[in-house]
Amino acid sequence: MVIKLWDGFVRGFHWLLVVVLAGLWYTGGNLDYLEFNGNIIEFIDVHHKLGLIMLALIITRILWGIFGSSPARFSQFLRGPKAVWGYLKSPFSKEHLTHNPGGGLIVVLMLVLLLAQAISGLFTDDAIFFRGPLANTVNNDVVRALTSYHKQAFDFILILIALHIVAIFVYLVMRKNFIGPMITGKKTITNSNITPPKQLHGGYGFILLSLNLFWIFWWLG
């Protein structure tokens, strides 16, 4: 049985996140620049803009996780410690419509870390090339602490990404394809008694993302 699982916004968010994260990784701490049509584009400025896009993406995904399509809502896949432990003891014993308990926990943890990373970047100061747009709103001790956090926390994000990729390939070996549904939005399930989840048009999510991009860049860009 084939059902529509992930709406257009969830899929778009996922792949936009991949691109933005790759750009942030490449430009973070990179003092190089590009020359385009006689204009100098500093990588640190690109990093700042990508960080604002990341902030808009995460805020929108959190809102979509509350008000969006049923499979995207946190209430559908966020489980307690008992369910997570049960999944870890027997990860392949049960079919899950959306994220399994372990995957759901990773999703939420990733969103929290990315939100903290984006917000902390607004307060950073490398004392040479860049000072975050909100650095002047707090004292120097807070700026130093958030700058240190911003530099170190990305390593934990990379670890979560690595775990995510490993899990995807492990499930592929077990003939469970998680990549296809995140491209097409459709998932093949073996339980024909499952009712297809309610969906909202992904366009609403992109409208919300556009609004968030507008006020974030107006205020912080």
Foldseek 3Di string as FASTA:
>chain_A
DKFQADAPQLLVLVVLVVVLLVLLVVLPVDQDWDADPNDTGGSVVVNLLSLLLLLLSLVLLQVCLPVFFPLSHLVQAADDPVQLVVCVVPVPPDDGRHDRNVRSVLVVVLSVLSNLLSVLQQQEDPPPDDGHVCVVVDDPVSRVVSNVCNVPSVVVSVVSVVVVVVVQVVVVVVVAHPPVCSPVSMDDDDDPVDDHTGHDHSVVSVVSSVVSSVVSVVRGD
